[in-house]
Amino acid sequence: MRRLLAFLFRRLALLVPLLLVVAMGTFVLLRIGGQDPSAMLAGPTATEDEIARIRAEYGLDRPLPIQFLLWFGRVIHGDLGQSWISNRPVLTELIERAPASLELLVLGMLIGAAIGVPAGLVSALRRGRAFDQTARLLSLLGYSVPTYFLGLALLLVFFFFLDWAPPAMGRISLMLTPPPRVTGSYVVDALLVGDWEAVHSAAAQLILPVASIAILCAAPIIAQTRGIALSVLASPPVAYAEAQGLLPRSIARMVLRNAATPVITFIGAELVGLVGSGSLIEYVFAWGGTGQFGLDAIIKGDFAVVQGYVLLLSVFSVVVFLAVDLLVMALEPRSGRA
């Protein structure tokens, strides 16, 4: 227990300097990007005096170091500022939209991992055979298809041509009222109140975006799991087990056990990297999560939202990697000695 607490303390101690560096980098990059939010807020017909008044109102006329210190001082107290577009607190907007994004990411990652890990393992065990060739081809296709195009292609096939899926118009049919908010997931919240029509609609809206995320996850997981499993198969312990005549089932269990740690680490990194791809999927399907919110803020120059969104992603990354480290420690206790 003491070793675990020391490990957690070391990881959490890195959070403050990490957030400081991320906040400073994001702040500077936004300010030197050449985008003037004052003109956007004032509108296309605003005069120079009106633009200058808005710039002064939001403190954009002050030196950059002063702007950063004032903003970061508020962040330390949990105030991420207000969205310049919606005029609502950024933290409130992010918290309200986070469950929608987590719903997509978690479901898509679980399905992608459930497909990718077994497929990669079997591909390695059957190297050079038909299954291996097929899995490698599908993985390559998943790698090659652009994220935005993938979502549009699924909509074109399953909504436009086959009419099997609902239109990409949010998380629930526009003809229905969203269920009372409890968890933030429309499916779960509708189940809690027994609104079966809303459950069916929300679940139907989930299918295509979750499928898009799952495809994006499964492709690299197949390739990575296959590579890791092949390296384990070439290791002396496995070679010795094969020479002793162990059954293929026993060999497969040995490979899976030895490949588990690097595969889990890769899946954690993939989940963090998936946030960027997920924002494009959210945009295609008008999902309304933090990804779409952050992407809209970048396009419209809403600096307060962009800064809060990047900080949220940093915290999310730290939490995911911390969970991965703890899981790896449980599977391989010796890894916690580093």
C-alpha atoms as a PDB file:
ATOM      1  CA  MET A   1       0.000   0.000   0.000  1.00  0.00           C
ATOM      2  CA  ARG A   2       2.821   2.434   0.805  1.00  0.00           C
ATOM      3  CA  ARG A   3       4.394   1.711  -2.580  1.00  0.00           C
ATOM      4  CA  LEU A   4       1.067   2.359  -4.298  1.00  0.00           C
ATOM      5  CA  LEU A   5       0.546   5.655  -2.448  1.00  0.00           C
ATOM      6  CA  ALA A   6       4.082   6.766  -3.300  1.00  0.00           C
ATOM      7  CA  PHE A   7       3.448   5.897  -6.928  1.00  0.00           C
ATOM      8  CA  LEU A   8       0.189   7.894  -6.985  1.00  0.00           C
ATOM      9  CA  PHE A   9       1.875  10.853  -5.316  1.00  0.00           C
ATOM     10  CA  ARG A  10       4.676  10.907  -7.916  1.00  0.00           C
ATOM     11  CA  ARG A  11       2.185  10.803 -10.769  1.00  0.00           C
ATOM     12  CA  LEU A  12      -0.124  13.452  -9.332  1.00  0.00           C
ATOM     13  CA  ALA A  13       2.843  15.715  -8.518  1.00  0.00           C
ATOM     14  CA  LEU A  14       3.462  15.947 -12.253  1.00  0.00           C
ATOM     15  CA  LEU A  15      -0.040  17.276 -12.864  1.00  0.00           C
ATOM     16  CA  VAL A  16       0.552  20.873 -11.739  1.00  0.00           C
ATOM     17  CA  PRO A  17       3.689  21.581 -13.844  1.00  0.00           C
ATOM     18  CA  LEU A  18       2.089  19.764 -16.790  1.00  0.00           C
ATOM     19  CA  LEU A  19      -1.039  21.906 -16.648  1.00  0.00           C
ATOM     20  CA  LEU A  20       1.072  25.045 -16.260  1.00  0.00           C
ATOM     21  CA  VAL A  21       3.120  24.237 -19.368  1.00  0.00           C
ATOM     22  CA  VAL A  22       0.038  23.269 -21.368  1.00  0.00           C
ATOM     23  CA  ALA A  23      -1.848  26.386 -20.273  1.00  0.00           C
ATOM     24  CA  MET A  24       1.068  28.668 -21.099  1.00  0.00           C
ATOM     25  CA  GLY A  25       1.694  27.032 -24.475  1.00  0.00           C
ATOM     26  CA  THR A  26      -1.972  27.162 -25.460  1.00  0.00           C
ATOM     27  CA  PHE A  27      -2.319  30.757 -24.319  1.00  0.00           C
ATOM     28  CA  VAL A  28       0.718  31.940 -26.293  1.00  0.00           C
ATOM     29  CA  LEU A  29      -0.149  29.991 -29.451  1.00  0.00           C
ATOM     30  CA  LEU A  30      -3.676  31.389 -29.500  1.00  0.00           C
ATOM     31  CA  ARG A  31      -2.477  34.942 -29.040  1.00  0.00           C
ATOM     32  CA  ILE A  32       0.199  34.789 -31.744  1.00  0.00           C
ATOM     33  CA  GLY A  33      -2.053  32.981 -34.213  1.00  0.00           C
ATOM     34  CA  GLY A  34      -3.115  36.244 -35.817  1.00  0.00           C
ATOM     35  CA  GLN A  35      -6.827  35.716 -35.061  1.00  0.00           C
ATOM     36  CA  ASP A  36      -8.517  38.735 -33.483  1.00  0.00           C
ATOM     37  CA  PRO A  37     -11.599  37.644 -31.506  1.00  0.00           C
ATOM     38  CA  SER A  38     -12.557  41.267 -30.897  1.00  0.00           C
ATOM     39  CA  ALA A  39     -13.524  41.736 -34.522  1.00  0.00           C
ATOM     40  CA  MET A  40     -15.495  38.471 -34.495  1.00  0.00           C
ATOM     41  CA  LEU A  41     -17.368  39.449 -31.347  1.00  0.00           C
ATOM     42  CA  ALA A  42     -18.112  42.932 -32.655  1.00  0.00           C
ATOM     43  CA  GLY A  43     -19.480  41.677 -35.961  1.00  0.00           C
ATOM     44  CA  PRO A  44     -18.714  42.543 -39.584  1.00  0.00           C
ATOM     45  CA  THR A  45     -20.320  46.008 -39.427  1.00  0.00           C
ATOM     46  CA  ALA A  46     -18.563  47.191 -36.237  1.00  0.00           C
ATOM     47  CA  THR A  47     -16.506  50.348 -36.236  1.00  0.00           C
ATOM     48  CA  GLU A  48     -12.940  50.605 -34.983  1.00  0.00           C
ATOM     49  CA  ASP A  49     -14.171  52.272 -31.782  1.00  0.00           C
ATOM     50  CA  GLU A  50     -16.560  49.412 -31.083  1.00  0.00           C
ATOM     51  CA  ILE A  51     -13.828  46.827 -31.678  1.00  0.00           C
ATOM     52  CA  ALA A  52     -11.479  48.738 -29.377  1.00  0.00           C
ATOM     53  CA  ARG A  53     -14.164  48.897 -26.669  1.00  0.00           C
ATOM     54  CA  ILE A  54     -14.722  45.128 -26.843  1.00  0.00           C
ATOM     55  CA  ARG A  55     -10.965  44.538 -26.763  1.00  0.00           C
ATOM     56  CA  ALA A  56     -10.705  46.606 -23.602  1.00  0.00           C
ATOM     57  CA  GLU A  57     -13.770  44.950 -22.043  1.00  0.00           C
ATOM     58  CA  TYR A  58     -12.218  41.482 -22.384  1.00  0.00           C
ATOM     59  CA  GLY A  59      -8.737  42.642 -21.402  1.00  0.00           C
ATOM     60  CA  LEU A  60      -7.271  41.896 -24.825  1.00  0.00           C
ATOM     61  CA  ASP A  61      -5.519  45.261 -24.926  1.00  0.00           C
ATOM     62  CA  ARG A  62      -3.238  44.371 -22.010  1.00  0.00           C
ATOM     63  CA  PRO A  63       0.273  42.872 -22.353  1.00  0.00           C
ATOM     64  CA  LEU A  64       0.317  39.084 -22.863  1.00  0.00           C
ATOM     65  CA  PRO A  65       2.027  38.293 -19.516  1.00  0.00           C
ATOM     66  CA  ILE A  66      -0.651  40.253 -17.636  1.00  0.00           C
ATOM     67  CA  GLN A  67      -3.425  38.523 -19.587  1.00  0.00           C
ATOM     68  CA  PHE A  68      -1.950  35.118 -18.813  1.00  0.00           C
ATOM     69  CA  LEU A  69      -1.443  35.778 -15.096  1.00  0.00           C
ATOM     70  CA  LEU A  70      -4.987  37.090 -14.696  1.00  0.00           C
ATOM     71  CA  TRP A  71      -6.425  34.117 -16.578  1.00  0.00           C
ATOM     72  CA  PHE A  72      -4.326  31.469 -14.810  1.00  0.00           C
ATOM     73  CA  GLY A  73      -5.123  33.006 -11.426  1.00  0.00           C
ATOM     74  CA  ARG A  74      -8.811  32.431 -12.153  1.00  0.00           C
ATOM     75  CA  VAL A  75      -8.115  28.897 -13.414  1.00  0.00           C
ATOM     76  CA  ILE A  76      -6.461  27.957 -10.112  1.00  0.00           C
ATOM     77  CA  HIS A  77      -9.728  28.864  -8.390  1.00  0.00           C
ATOM     78  CA  GLY A  78     -11.765  26.750 -10.831  1.00  0.00           C
ATOM     79  CA  ASP A  79     -12.875  29.615 -13.057  1.00  0.00           C
ATOM     80  CA  LEU A  80     -12.128  28.932 -16.733  1.00  0.00           C
ATOM     81  CA  GLY A  81     -13.831  32.132 -17.794  1.00  0.00           C
ATOM     82  CA  GLN A  82     -16.890  32.633 -19.958  1.00  0.00           C
ATOM     83  CA  SER A  83     -17.444  31.620 -23.541  1.00  0.00           C
ATOM     84  CA  TRP A  84     -17.342  34.680 -25.732  1.00  0.00           C
ATOM     85  CA  ILE A  85     -19.881  33.110 -28.073  1.00  0.00           C
ATOM     86  CA  SER A  86     -22.493  31.597 -25.712  1.00  0.00           C
ATOM     87  CA  ASN A  87     -21.731  33.921 -22.751  1.00  0.00           C
ATOM     88  CA  ARG A  88     -21.878  30.934 -20.391  1.00  0.00           C
ATOM     89  CA  PRO A  89     -19.165  29.682 -18.002  1.00  0.00           C
ATOM     90  CA  VAL A  90     -16.684  27.491 -19.877  1.00  0.00           C
ATOM     91  CA  LEU A  91     -16.469  24.966 -17.042  1.00  0.00           C
ATOM     92  CA  THR A  92     -20.248  24.545 -17.021  1.00  0.00           C
ATOM     93  CA  GLU A  93     -20.308  24.011 -20.780  1.00  0.00           C
ATOM     94  CA  LEU A  94     -17.523  21.409 -20.618  1.00  0.00           C
ATOM     95  CA  ILE A  95     -19.079  19.514 -17.702  1.00  0.00           C
ATOM     96  CA  GLU A  96     -22.483  19.395 -19.399  1.00  0.00           C
ATOM     97  CA  ARG A  97     -21.009  18.112 -22.669  1.00  0.00           C
ATOM     98  CA  ALA A  98     -18.405  15.695 -21.262  1.00  0.00           C
ATOM     99  CA  PRO A  99     -20.765  12.688 -20.797  1.00  0.00           C
ATOM    100  CA  ALA A 100     -21.707  12.764 -24.485  1.00  0.00           C
ATOM    101  CA  SER A 101     -18.055  12.579 -25.543  1.00  0.00           C
ATOM    102  CA  LEU A 102     -17.162   9.948 -22.938  1.00  0.00           C
ATOM    103  CA  GLU A 103     -20.090   7.838 -24.106  1.00  0.00           C
ATOM    104  CA  LEU A 104     -18.706   7.765 -27.649  1.00  0.00           C
ATOM    105  CA  LEU A 105     -15.067   7.269 -26.659  1.00  0.00           C
ATOM    106  CA  VAL A 106     -15.626   4.543 -24.066  1.00  0.00           C
ATOM    107  CA  LEU A 107     -18.107   2.515 -26.125  1.00  0.00           C
ATOM    108  CA  GLY A 108     -16.043   2.880 -29.287  1.00  0.00           C
ATOM    109  CA  MET A 109     -12.811   1.943 -27.510  1.00  0.00           C
ATOM    110  CA  LEU A 110     -14.367  -1.080 -25.795  1.00  0.00           C
ATOM    111  CA  ILE A 111     -15.761  -2.403 -29.076  1.00  0.00           C
ATOM    112  CA  GLY A 112     -12.554  -1.592 -30.956  1.00  0.00           C
ATOM    113  CA  ALA A 113     -10.403  -3.329 -28.340  1.00  0.00           C
ATOM    114  CA  ALA A 114     -12.767  -6.318 -28.184  1.00  0.00           C
ATOM    115  CA  ILE A 115     -12.277  -6.731 -31.938  1.00  0.00           C
ATOM    116  CA  GLY A 116      -8.673  -5.617 -32.305  1.00  0.00           C
ATOM    117  CA  VAL A 117      -6.946  -7.577 -29.527  1.00  0.00           C
ATOM    118  CA  PRO A 118      -8.322 -11.050 -30.437  1.00  0.00           C
ATOM    119  CA  ALA A 119      -7.880 -10.354 -34.159  1.00  0.00           C
ATOM    120  CA  GLY A 120      -4.273  -9.249 -33.679  1.00  0.00           C
ATOM    121  CA  LEU A 121      -3.498 -12.228 -31.463  1.00  0.00           C
ATOM    122  CA  VAL A 122      -5.027 -14.769 -33.865  1.00  0.00           C
ATOM    123  CA  SER A 123      -3.301 -13.040 -36.775  1.00  0.00           C
ATOM    124  CA  ALA A 124       0.076 -13.507 -35.085  1.00  0.00           C
ATOM    125  CA  LEU A 125      -0.650 -17.141 -34.203  1.00  0.00           C
ATOM    126  CA  ARG A 126      -1.686 -17.805 -37.822  1.00  0.00           C
ATOM    127  CA  ARG A 127       1.001 -15.740 -39.482  1.00  0.00           C
ATOM    128  CA  GLY A 128       0.921 -15.868 -43.266  1.00  0.00           C
ATOM    129  CA  ARG A 129      -2.460 -17.592 -43.453  1.00  0.00           C
ATOM    130  CA  ALA A 130      -5.732 -16.275 -44.861  1.00  0.00           C
ATOM    131  CA  PHE A 131      -6.908 -14.791 -41.540  1.00  0.00           C
ATOM    132  CA  ASP A 132      -3.613 -12.968 -41.094  1.00  0.00           C
ATOM    133  CA  GLN A 133      -3.746 -11.488 -44.585  1.00  0.00           C
ATOM    134  CA  THR A 134      -7.366 -10.406 -44.138  1.00  0.00           C
ATOM    135  CA  ALA A 135      -6.760  -8.841 -40.721  1.00  0.00           C
ATOM    136  CA  ARG A 136      -3.720  -6.924 -42.003  1.00  0.00           C
ATOM    137  CA  LEU A 137      -5.695  -5.668 -45.001  1.00  0.00           C
ATOM    138  CA  LEU A 138      -8.597  -4.475 -42.834  1.00  0.00           C
ATOM    139  CA  SER A 139      -6.177  -2.830 -40.419  1.00  0.00           C
ATOM    140  CA  LEU A 140      -4.479  -1.021 -43.288  1.00  0.00           C
ATOM    141  CA  LEU A 141      -7.838   0.190 -44.605  1.00  0.00           C
ATOM    142  CA  GLY A 142      -8.788   1.449 -41.151  1.00  0.00           C
ATOM    143  CA  TYR A 143      -5.484   3.325 -40.971  1.00  0.00           C
ATOM    144  CA  SER A 144      -5.891   4.829 -44.432  1.00  0.00           C
ATOM    145  CA  VAL A 145      -9.456   6.168 -44.325  1.00  0.00           C
ATOM    146  CA  PRO A 146      -9.580   9.792 -43.106  1.00  0.00           C
ATOM    147  CA  THR A 147     -11.673  10.272 -39.976  1.00  0.00           C
ATOM    148  CA  TYR A 148     -14.040  12.807 -41.469  1.00  0.00           C
ATOM    149  CA  PHE A 149     -14.578  10.709 -44.591  1.00  0.00           C
ATOM    150  CA  LEU A 150     -15.275   7.591 -42.525  1.00  0.00           C
ATOM    151  CA  GLY A 151     -18.198   9.215 -40.738  1.00  0.00           C
ATOM    152  CA  LEU A 152     -19.618  10.601 -43.970  1.00  0.00           C
ATOM    153  CA  ALA A 153     -19.213   7.239 -45.726  1.00  0.00           C
ATOM    154  CA  LEU A 154     -21.119   5.416 -42.986  1.00  0.00           C
ATOM    155  CA  LEU A 155     -23.897   8.005 -43.202  1.00  0.00           C
ATOM    156  CA  LEU A 156     -24.039   7.720 -46.979  1.00  0.00           C
ATOM    157  CA  VAL A 157     -24.341   3.926 -46.914  1.00  0.00           C
ATOM    158  CA  PHE A 158     -26.474   3.227 -43.845  1.00  0.00           C
ATOM    159  CA  PHE A 159     -28.668   6.343 -43.795  1.00  0.00           C
ATOM    160  CA  PHE A 160     -28.943   7.550 -47.390  1.00  0.00           C
ATOM    161  CA  PHE A 161     -28.757   4.306 -49.378  1.00  0.00           C
ATOM    162  CA  LEU A 162     -30.010   1.606 -46.974  1.00  0.00           C
ATOM    163  CA  ASP A 163     -32.120   3.755 -44.614  1.00  0.00           C
ATOM    164  CA  TRP A 164     -31.038   1.598 -41.670  1.00  0.00           C
ATOM    165  CA  ALA A 165     -29.804   4.432 -39.467  1.00  0.00           C
ATOM    166  CA  PRO A 166     -31.318   7.752 -38.351  1.00  0.00           C
ATOM    167  CA  PRO A 167     -30.011  11.079 -39.694  1.00  0.00           C
ATOM    168  CA  ALA A 168     -26.988  12.714 -38.080  1.00  0.00           C
ATOM    169  CA  MET A 169     -28.967  15.258 -36.087  1.00  0.00           C
ATOM    170  CA  GLY A 170     -27.757  14.896 -32.524  1.00  0.00           C
ATOM    171  CA  ARG A 171     -28.091  12.369 -29.725  1.00  0.00           C
ATOM    172  CA  ILE A 172     -31.863  11.860 -29.894  1.00  0.00           C
ATOM    173  CA  SER A 173     -34.650  12.419 -32.404  1.00  0.00           C
ATOM    174  CA  LEU A 174     -35.720  16.037 -32.770  1.00  0.00           C
ATOM    175  CA  MET A 175     -39.305  14.874 -32.273  1.00  0.00           C
ATOM    176  CA  LEU A 176     -38.541  13.685 -28.728  1.00  0.00           C
ATOM    177  CA  THR A 177     -37.722  15.514 -25.516  1.00  0.00           C
ATOM    178  CA  PRO A 178     -34.410  14.474 -23.931  1.00  0.00           C
ATOM    179  CA  PRO A 179     -34.843  12.588 -20.635  1.00  0.00           C
ATOM    180  CA  PRO A 180     -34.149  14.335 -17.308  1.00  0.00           C
ATOM    181  CA  ARG A 181     -30.400  14.620 -16.817  1.00  0.00           C
ATOM    182  CA  VAL A 182     -28.942  12.172 -14.305  1.00  0.00           C
ATOM    183  CA  THR A 183     -25.775  10.690 -15.843  1.00  0.00           C
ATOM    184  CA  GLY A 184     -25.629  12.750 -19.035  1.00  0.00           C
ATOM    185  CA  SER A 185     -26.091   9.642 -21.224  1.00  0.00           C
ATOM    186  CA  TYR A 186     -29.474   9.803 -22.934  1.00  0.00           C
ATOM    187  CA  VAL A 187     -29.700   5.999 -23.125  1.00  0.00           C
ATOM    188  CA  VAL A 188     -29.030   5.505 -19.412  1.00  0.00           C
ATOM    189  CA  ASP A 189     -31.159   8.463 -18.329  1.00  0.00           C
ATOM    190  CA  ALA A 190     -34.085   7.298 -20.474  1.00  0.00           C
ATOM    191  CA  LEU A 191     -33.760   3.803 -18.965  1.00  0.00           C
ATOM    192  CA  LEU A 192     -33.870   5.264 -15.471  1.00  0.00           C
ATOM    193  CA  VAL A 193     -37.207   6.980 -16.135  1.00  0.00           C
ATOM    194  CA  GLY A 194     -38.610   4.134 -18.255  1.00  0.00           C
ATOM    195  CA  ASP A 195     -38.966   6.183 -21.454  1.00  0.00           C
ATOM    196  CA  TRP A 196     -38.541   3.345 -23.946  1.00  0.00           C
ATOM    197  CA  GLU A 197     -39.130   5.482 -27.032  1.00  0.00           C
ATOM    198  CA  ALA A 198     -36.271   7.751 -25.961  1.00  0.00           C
ATOM    199  CA  VAL A 199     -34.098   4.696 -25.209  1.00  0.00           C
ATOM    200  CA  HIS A 200     -34.648   3.342 -28.723  1.00  0.00           C
ATOM    201  CA  SER A 201     -33.992   6.719 -30.357  1.00  0.00           C
ATOM    202  CA  ALA A 202     -30.854   7.478 -28.332  1.00  0.00           C
ATOM    203  CA  ALA A 203     -29.459   3.977 -28.917  1.00  0.00           C
ATOM    204  CA  ALA A 204     -30.123   4.268 -32.656  1.00  0.00           C
ATOM    205  CA  GLN A 205     -28.313   7.609 -32.791  1.00  0.00           C
ATOM    206  CA  LEU A 206     -25.298   5.996 -31.068  1.00  0.00           C
ATOM    207  CA  ILE A 207     -24.744   3.228 -33.603  1.00  0.00           C
ATOM    208  CA  LEU A 208     -22.962   5.019 -36.454  1.00  0.00           C
ATOM    209  CA  PRO A 209     -20.714   7.352 -34.401  1.00  0.00           C
ATOM    210  CA  VAL A 210     -19.728   4.492 -32.091  1.00  0.00           C
ATOM    211  CA  ALA A 211     -19.039   2.306 -35.123  1.00  0.00           C
ATOM    212  CA  SER A 212     -16.803   5.049 -36.537  1.00  0.00           C
ATOM    213  CA  ILE A 213     -14.839   5.285 -33.285  1.00  0.00           C
ATOM    214  CA  ALA A 214     -14.598   1.478 -33.064  1.00  0.00           C
ATOM    215  CA  ILE A 215     -13.147   1.243 -36.579  1.00  0.00           C
ATOM    216  CA  LEU A 216     -10.611   3.958 -35.793  1.00  0.00           C
ATOM    217  CA  CYS A 217      -9.624   2.062 -32.627  1.00  0.00           C
ATOM    218  CA  ALA A 218      -9.588  -1.474 -33.995  1.00  0.00           C
ATOM    219  CA  ALA A 219      -7.255  -0.791 -36.933  1.00  0.00           C
ATOM    220  CA  PRO A 220      -4.146   0.269 -34.947  1.00  0.00           C
ATOM    221  CA  ILE A 221      -4.908  -2.195 -32.140  1.00  0.00           C
ATOM    222  CA  ILE A 222      -4.890  -5.109 -34.602  1.00  0.00           C
ATOM    223  CA  ALA A 223      -1.537  -4.049 -36.038  1.00  0.00           C
ATOM    224  CA  GLN A 224       0.042  -3.338 -32.654  1.00  0.00           C
ATOM    225  CA  THR A 225      -1.259  -6.507 -30.983  1.00  0.00           C
ATOM    226  CA  ARG A 226      -0.021  -8.577 -33.902  1.00  0.00           C
ATOM    227  CA  GLY A 227       3.452  -7.036 -33.693  1.00  0.00           C
ATOM    228  CA  ILE A 228       3.660  -7.496 -29.923  1.00  0.00           C
ATOM    229  CA  ALA A 229       2.409 -11.081 -30.130  1.00  0.00           C
ATOM    230  CA  LEU A 230       4.944 -11.905 -32.847  1.00  0.00           C
ATOM    231  CA  SER A 231       7.776 -10.622 -30.657  1.00  0.00           C
ATOM    232  CA  VAL A 232       6.481 -12.741 -27.760  1.00  0.00           C
ATOM    233  CA  LEU A 233       6.252 -15.794 -30.010  1.00  0.00           C
ATOM    234  CA  ALA A 234       9.909 -15.300 -30.930  1.00  0.00           C
ATOM    235  CA  SER A 235      11.008 -15.112 -27.278  1.00  0.00           C
ATOM    236  CA  PRO A 236      12.951 -18.019 -25.708  1.00  0.00           C
ATOM    237  CA  PRO A 237      10.234 -19.042 -23.173  1.00  0.00           C
ATOM    238  CA  VAL A 238       7.626 -19.490 -25.895  1.00  0.00           C
ATOM    239  CA  ALA A 239      10.071 -21.221 -28.194  1.00  0.00           C
ATOM    240  CA  TYR A 240      10.909 -23.620 -25.357  1.00  0.00           C
ATOM    241  CA  ALA A 241       7.205 -24.253 -24.685  1.00  0.00           C
ATOM    242  CA  GLU A 242       6.626 -25.040 -28.354  1.00  0.00           C
ATOM    243  CA  ALA A 243       9.624 -27.378 -28.352  1.00  0.00           C
ATOM    244  CA  GLN A 244       8.103 -29.190 -25.365  1.00  0.00           C
ATOM    245  CA  GLY A 245       4.980 -29.858 -27.410  1.00  0.00           C
ATOM    246  CA  LEU A 246       2.495 -27.668 -25.531  1.00  0.00           C
ATOM    247  CA  LEU A 247      -0.943 -27.424 -27.085  1.00  0.00           C
ATOM    248  CA  PRO A 248      -1.671 -24.360 -29.286  1.00  0.00           C
ATOM    249  CA  ARG A 249      -4.262 -23.260 -26.716  1.00  0.00           C
ATOM    250  CA  SER A 250      -1.614 -23.160 -23.999  1.00  0.00           C
ATOM    251  CA  ILE A 251       0.773 -21.285 -26.289  1.00  0.00           C
ATOM    252  CA  ALA A 252      -1.954 -18.736 -27.037  1.00  0.00           C
ATOM    253  CA  ARG A 253      -2.586 -18.167 -23.312  1.00  0.00           C
ATOM    254  CA  MET A 254       1.134 -17.710 -22.732  1.00  0.00           C
ATOM    255  CA  VAL A 255       1.368 -15.178 -25.566  1.00  0.00           C
ATOM    256  CA  LEU A 256      -1.673 -13.276 -24.331  1.00  0.00           C
ATOM    257  CA  ARG A 257      -0.360 -13.127 -20.765  1.00  0.00           C
ATOM    258  CA  ASN A 258       3.048 -11.808 -21.850  1.00  0.00           C
ATOM    259  CA  ALA A 259       1.595  -9.375 -24.394  1.00  0.00           C
ATOM    260  CA  ALA A 260      -1.054  -7.970 -22.045  1.00  0.00           C
ATOM    261  CA  THR A 261       1.066  -5.220 -20.502  1.00  0.00           C
ATOM    262  CA  PRO A 262       2.307  -3.553 -23.723  1.00  0.00           C
ATOM    263  CA  VAL A 263      -1.093  -3.968 -25.373  1.00  0.00           C
ATOM    264  CA  ILE A 264      -2.889  -2.271 -22.459  1.00  0.00           C
ATOM    265  CA  THR A 265      -0.335   0.545 -22.520  1.00  0.00           C
ATOM    266  CA  PHE A 266      -0.924   1.028 -26.239  1.00  0.00           C
ATOM    267  CA  ILE A 267      -4.710   1.032 -25.802  1.00  0.00           C
ATOM    268  CA  GLY A 268      -4.389   3.758 -23.165  1.00  0.00           C
ATOM    269  CA  ALA A 269      -2.274   5.879 -25.503  1.00  0.00           C
ATOM    270  CA  GLU A 270      -4.738   5.190 -28.303  1.00  0.00           C
ATOM    271  CA  LEU A 271      -7.657   6.354 -26.138  1.00  0.00           C
ATOM    272  CA  VAL A 272      -5.890   9.649 -25.436  1.00  0.00           C
ATOM    273  CA  GLY A 273      -5.024  10.141 -29.098  1.00  0.00           C
ATOM    274  CA  LEU A 274      -8.566   9.297 -30.092  1.00  0.00           C
ATOM    275  CA  VAL A 275      -9.909  12.526 -28.593  1.00  0.00           C
ATOM    276  CA  GLY A 276      -8.846  14.496 -31.671  1.00  0.00           C
ATOM    277  CA  SER A 277     -10.431  12.022 -34.071  1.00  0.00           C
ATOM    278  CA  GLY A 278     -13.511  11.866 -31.879  1.00  0.00           C
ATOM    279  CA  SER A 279     -14.050  15.606 -32.234  1.00  0.00           C
ATOM    280  CA  LEU A 280     -14.345  15.198 -36.012  1.00  0.00           C
ATOM    281  CA  ILE A 281     -16.790  12.327 -35.584  1.00  0.00           C
ATOM    282  CA  GLU A 282     -18.829  14.483 -33.199  1.00  0.00           C
ATOM    283  CA  TYR A 283     -18.825  17.266 -35.771  1.00  0.00           C
ATOM    284  CA  VAL A 284     -20.077  14.971 -38.536  1.00  0.00           C
ATOM    285  CA  PHE A 285     -22.899  13.579 -36.399  1.00  0.00           C
ATOM    286  CA  ALA A 286     -23.739  16.895 -34.650  1.00  0.00           C
ATOM    287  CA  TRP A 287     -23.167  15.109 -31.354  1.00  0.00           C
ATOM    288  CA  GLY A 288     -22.818  18.155 -29.127  1.00  0.00           C
ATOM    289  CA  GLY A 289     -20.011  16.833 -26.929  1.00  0.00           C
ATOM    290  CA  THR A 290     -16.857  18.550 -25.768  1.00  0.00           C
ATOM    291  CA  GLY A 291     -15.063  17.585 -28.990  1.00  0.00           C
ATOM    292  CA  GLN A 292     -17.528  19.416 -31.216  1.00  0.00           C
ATOM    293  CA  PHE A 293     -17.658  22.278 -28.724  1.00  0.00           C
ATOM    294  CA  GLY A 294     -13.866  22.644 -28.753  1.00  0.00           C
ATOM    295  CA  LEU A 295     -13.676  22.401 -32.532  1.00  0.00           C
ATOM    296  CA  ASP A 296     -16.337  25.094 -32.908  1.00  0.00           C
ATOM    297  CA  ALA A 297     -14.408  27.295 -30.481  1.00  0.00           C
ATOM    298  CA  ILE A 298     -11.212  26.893 -32.517  1.00  0.00           C
ATOM    299  CA  ILE A 299     -13.021  27.835 -35.739  1.00  0.00           C
ATOM    300  CA  LYS A 300     -14.787  30.837 -34.189  1.00  0.00           C
ATOM    301  CA  GLY A 301     -11.821  32.080 -32.151  1.00  0.00           C
ATOM    302  CA  ASP A 302     -13.436  31.599 -28.734  1.00  0.00           C
ATOM    303  CA  PHE A 303     -10.141  31.686 -26.817  1.00  0.00           C
ATOM    304  CA  ALA A 304     -11.659  31.038 -23.385  1.00  0.00           C
ATOM    305  CA  VAL A 305     -13.273  27.794 -24.556  1.00  0.00           C
ATOM    306  CA  VAL A 306     -10.170  26.634 -26.445  1.00  0.00           C
ATOM    307  CA  GLN A 307      -7.977  27.155 -23.381  1.00  0.00           C
ATOM    308  CA  GLY A 308     -10.440  25.339 -21.122  1.00  0.00           C
ATOM    309  CA  TYR A 309     -10.856  22.528 -23.654  1.00  0.00           C
ATOM    310  CA  VAL A 310      -7.101  21.946 -23.924  1.00  0.00           C
ATOM    311  CA  LEU A 311      -6.766  21.913 -20.129  1.00  0.00           C
ATOM    312  CA  LEU A 312      -9.586  19.368 -19.930  1.00  0.00           C
ATOM    313  CA  LEU A 313      -7.806  17.146 -22.463  1.00  0.00           C
ATOM    314  CA  SER A 314      -4.601  17.399 -20.431  1.00  0.00           C
ATOM    315  CA  VAL A 315      -6.372  16.288 -17.261  1.00  0.00           C
ATOM    316  CA  PHE A 316      -8.091  13.494 -19.191  1.00  0.00           C
ATOM    317  CA  SER A 317      -4.720  12.298 -20.510  1.00  0.00           C
ATOM    318  CA  VAL A 318      -3.215  12.249 -17.018  1.00  0.00           C
ATOM    319  CA  VAL A 319      -6.181  10.283 -15.641  1.00  0.00           C
ATOM    320  CA  VAL A 320      -6.070   7.730 -18.470  1.00  0.00           C
ATOM    321  CA  PHE A 321      -2.326   7.154 -18.168  1.00  0.00           C
ATOM    322  CA  LEU A 322      -2.639   6.908 -14.382  1.00  0.00           C
ATOM    323  CA  ALA A 323      -5.359   4.255 -14.759  1.00  0.00           C
ATOM    324  CA  VAL A 324      -3.192   2.390 -17.277  1.00  0.00           C
ATOM    325  CA  ASP A 325      -0.203   2.488 -14.910  1.00  0.00           C
ATOM    326  CA  LEU A 326      -2.307   1.116 -12.058  1.00  0.00           C
ATOM    327  CA  LEU A 327      -3.652  -1.672 -14.253  1.00  0.00           C
ATOM    328  CA  VAL A 328      -0.154  -2.537 -15.434  1.00  0.00           C
ATOM    329  CA  MET A 329       1.034  -2.599 -11.811  1.00  0.00           C
ATOM    330  CA  ALA A 330      -1.766  -5.027 -10.956  1.00  0.00           C
ATOM    331  CA  LEU A 331      -0.773  -7.313 -13.842  1.00  0.00           C
ATOM    332  CA  GLU A 332       2.977  -6.876 -13.384  1.00  0.00           C
ATOM    333  CA  PRO A 333       3.832  -5.730  -9.835  1.00  0.00           C
ATOM    334  CA  ARG A 334       7.532  -5.387 -10.664  1.00  0.00           C
ATOM    335  CA  SER A 335       6.721  -2.466 -12.987  1.00  0.00           C
ATOM    336  CA  GLY A 336       5.916  -0.266  -9.973  1.00  0.00           C
ATOM    337  CA  ARG A 337       9.510  -0.309  -8.762  1.00  0.00           C
ATOM    338  CA  ALA A 338      10.604   2.203 -11.397  1.00  0.00           C
END
